C-alpha atoms as a PDB file:
ATOM      1  CA  MET A   1     174.337 -16.472-123.346  1.00  0.00           C
ATOM      2  CA  VAL A   2     177.901 -16.692-124.405  1.00  0.00           C
ATOM      3  CA  THR A   3     180.309 -17.288-121.536  1.00  0.00           C
ATOM      4  CA  HIS A   4     184.090 -17.615-122.321  1.00  0.00           C
ATOM      5  CA  ARG A   5     185.215 -19.343-119.043  1.00  0.00           C
ATOM      6  CA  GLY A   6     187.022 -22.213-120.643  1.00  0.00           C
ATOM      7  CA  ASN A   7     183.734 -23.825-121.397  1.00  0.00           C
ATOM      8  CA  THR A   8     183.840 -25.167-125.035  1.00  0.00           C
ATOM      9  CA  PRO A   9     180.672 -24.239-127.032  1.00  0.00           C
ATOM     10  CA  PRO A  10     178.327 -27.152-127.715  1.00  0.00           C
ATOM     11  CA  PRO A  11     178.809 -28.796-131.100  1.00  0.00           C
ATOM     12  CA  PRO A  12     176.422 -27.624-133.822  1.00  0.00           C
ATOM     13  CA  PRO A  13     173.327 -29.846-134.368  1.00  0.00           C
ATOM     14  CA  TRP A  14     173.923 -32.328-137.130  1.00  0.00           C
ATOM     15  CA  PRO A  15     171.861 -31.441-140.282  1.00  0.00           C
ATOM     16  CA  PRO A  16     169.112 -33.805-141.311  1.00  0.00           C
ATOM     17  CA  ILE A  17     170.901 -34.435-144.604  1.00  0.00           C
ATOM     18  CA  PHE A  18     173.872 -36.045-142.613  1.00  0.00           C
ATOM     19  CA  LEU A  19     171.383 -38.384-140.976  1.00  0.00           C
ATOM     20  CA  LEU A  20     169.763 -39.227-144.296  1.00  0.00           C
ATOM     21  CA  LEU A  21     173.052 -40.104-145.859  1.00  0.00           C
ATOM     22  CA  LEU A  22     174.035 -42.235-142.933  1.00  0.00           C
ATOM     23  CA  ILE A  23     170.735 -44.201-143.223  1.00  0.00           C
ATOM     24  CA  SER A  24     170.845 -44.279-146.909  1.00  0.00           C
ATOM     25  CA  SER A  25     174.394 -45.536-147.118  1.00  0.00           C
ATOM     26  CA  PRO A  26     173.603 -48.993-145.849  1.00  0.00           C
ATOM     27  CA  LEU A  27     170.367 -49.125-147.769  1.00  0.00           C
ATOM     28  CA  GLN A  28     172.069 -48.369-151.112  1.00  0.00           C
ATOM     29  CA  ALA A  29     175.001 -50.802-150.192  1.00  0.00           C
ATOM     30  CA  ARG A  30     172.579 -53.642-150.134  1.00  0.00           C
ATOM     31  CA  PRO A  31     172.154 -55.258-153.632  1.00  0.00           C
END
């Protein structure tokens, strides 16, 4: 279902690794 009527395609789903990094970032920042 690809319609080119000026409708921008939905952004690709973020990979789980990105979420893991975001969650791991603050965890590792803590001493």
